[in-house]
């Protein structure tokens, strides 16, 4: 019940004020988080990018998109993940 209350409550911050890049990996078959919510967040955050995941569900999006998500994080730091286009300098994020 507490989780439902938190989800339905007003946030203590405005999404419009978030300036950091935000990647939203949104499942198209999620029965718990509707695709409209992911679209709204990606459109409202200044640097939001939506990544629709048409084949995923609520939990499979986490498992199936972990690799692409980690690749984006590493690339944003100017590096590649180990085992992916190996970074000869050995740098990690």
Protein backbone atom coordinates (compact mmCIF):
# COMPACT_ATOMS: atom_id res chain seq x y z
CA UNK A 1 0.00 0.00 0.00
CA UNK A 2 2.86 2.37 0.80
CA UNK A 3 4.36 1.86 -2.66
CA UNK A 4 1.04 2.70 -4.32
CA UNK A 5 0.76 5.79 -2.14
CA UNK A 6 4.27 6.94 -3.13
CA UNK A 7 3.63 6.31 -6.82
CA UNK A 8 0.44 8.36 -6.70
CA UNK A 9 1.91 11.19 -4.63
CA UNK A 10 3.39 14.43 -5.84
CA UNK A 11 7.17 14.31 -6.17
CA UNK A 12 9.31 16.56 -3.95
CA UNK A 13 11.11 17.76 -7.11
CA UNK A 14 10.09 18.89 -10.59
CA UNK A 15 11.10 16.66 -13.50
CA UNK A 16 11.61 19.83 -15.56
CA UNK A 17 14.46 20.86 -13.23
CA UNK A 18 16.51 17.71 -13.85
CA UNK A 19 19.34 18.66 -16.20
CA UNK A 20 21.40 15.47 -16.16
CA UNK A 21 20.88 13.12 -19.11
CA UNK A 22 18.21 10.54 -18.33
CA UNK A 23 17.69 7.38 -20.39
CA UNK A 24 14.26 5.78 -19.98
CA UNK A 25 14.14 2.14 -21.03
CA UNK A 26 10.41 1.53 -21.29
CA UNK A 27 8.81 -1.84 -21.77
CA UNK A 28 5.88 -1.85 -24.16
CA UNK A 29 4.25 -4.83 -22.38
CA UNK A 30 4.61 -3.64 -18.80
CA UNK A 31 1.45 -4.31 -16.79
CA UNK A 32 2.70 -2.21 -13.87
CA UNK A 33 4.27 0.87 -15.49
CA UNK A 34 2.32 2.06 -18.53
CA UNK A 35 4.30 3.17 -21.61
CA UNK A 36 2.69 6.60 -21.28
CA UNK A 37 4.58 7.10 -18.00
CA UNK A 38 7.94 6.45 -19.67
CA UNK A 39 7.04 8.78 -22.55
CA UNK A 40 6.02 11.49 -20.09
CA UNK A 41 9.25 11.26 -18.10
CA UNK A 42 11.47 11.22 -21.21
CA UNK A 43 9.62 14.23 -22.66
CA UNK A 44 9.54 16.21 -19.41
CA UNK A 45 13.16 15.82 -18.29
CA UNK A 46 15.29 18.33 -20.23
CA UNK A 47 17.79 15.75 -21.47
CA UNK A 48 15.49 12.74 -21.46
CA UNK A 49 15.79 10.00 -24.07
CA UNK A 50 13.20 7.27 -24.39
CA UNK A 51 14.27 3.79 -25.45
CA UNK A 52 11.14 1.79 -26.26
CA UNK A 53 11.56 -1.93 -25.70
CA UNK A 54 8.68 -3.54 -27.60
CA UNK A 55 9.54 -7.16 -26.77
CA UNK A 56 10.05 -6.67 -23.02
CA UNK A 57 7.82 -6.84 -19.96
CA UNK A 58 8.11 -5.28 -16.49
CA UNK A 59 11.13 -7.32 -15.35
CA UNK A 60 12.59 -8.57 -18.62
CA UNK A 61 13.40 -4.99 -19.63
CA UNK A 62 15.91 -4.88 -16.75
CA UNK A 63 17.59 -8.13 -17.81
CA UNK A 64 17.46 -7.61 -21.57
CA UNK A 65 18.47 -3.94 -21.59
CA UNK A 66 21.22 -4.03 -18.96
CA UNK A 67 23.95 -4.38 -21.61
CA UNK A 68 22.78 -1.50 -23.81
CA UNK A 69 22.25 0.63 -20.70
CA UNK A 70 25.79 -0.04 -19.42
CA UNK A 71 27.18 0.67 -22.91
CA UNK A 72 25.47 4.10 -22.89
CA UNK A 73 26.81 4.89 -19.41
CA UNK A 74 30.36 3.95 -20.44
CA UNK A 75 30.08 5.92 -23.70
CA UNK A 76 28.87 8.98 -21.80
CA UNK A 77 32.13 8.80 -19.82
CA UNK A 78 34.16 8.49 -23.00
CA UNK A 79 34.94 4.81 -22.53
CA UNK A 80 33.81 1.43 -23.70
CA UNK A 81 32.84 -1.41 -21.43
CA UNK A 82 35.43 -4.17 -21.02
CA UNK A 83 34.80 -6.81 -23.64
CA UNK A 84 33.22 -4.23 -25.93
CA UNK A 85 35.61 -2.46 -28.29
CA UNK A 86 38.26 -2.86 -25.60
CA UNK A 87 39.59 0.39 -24.21
CA UNK A 88 43.37 -0.13 -24.43
CA UNK A 89 43.94 2.39 -21.62
CA UNK A 90 42.05 0.17 -19.20
CA UNK A 91 39.83 3.05 -18.13
CA UNK A 92 36.43 2.45 -16.66
CA UNK A 93 33.67 4.86 -15.78
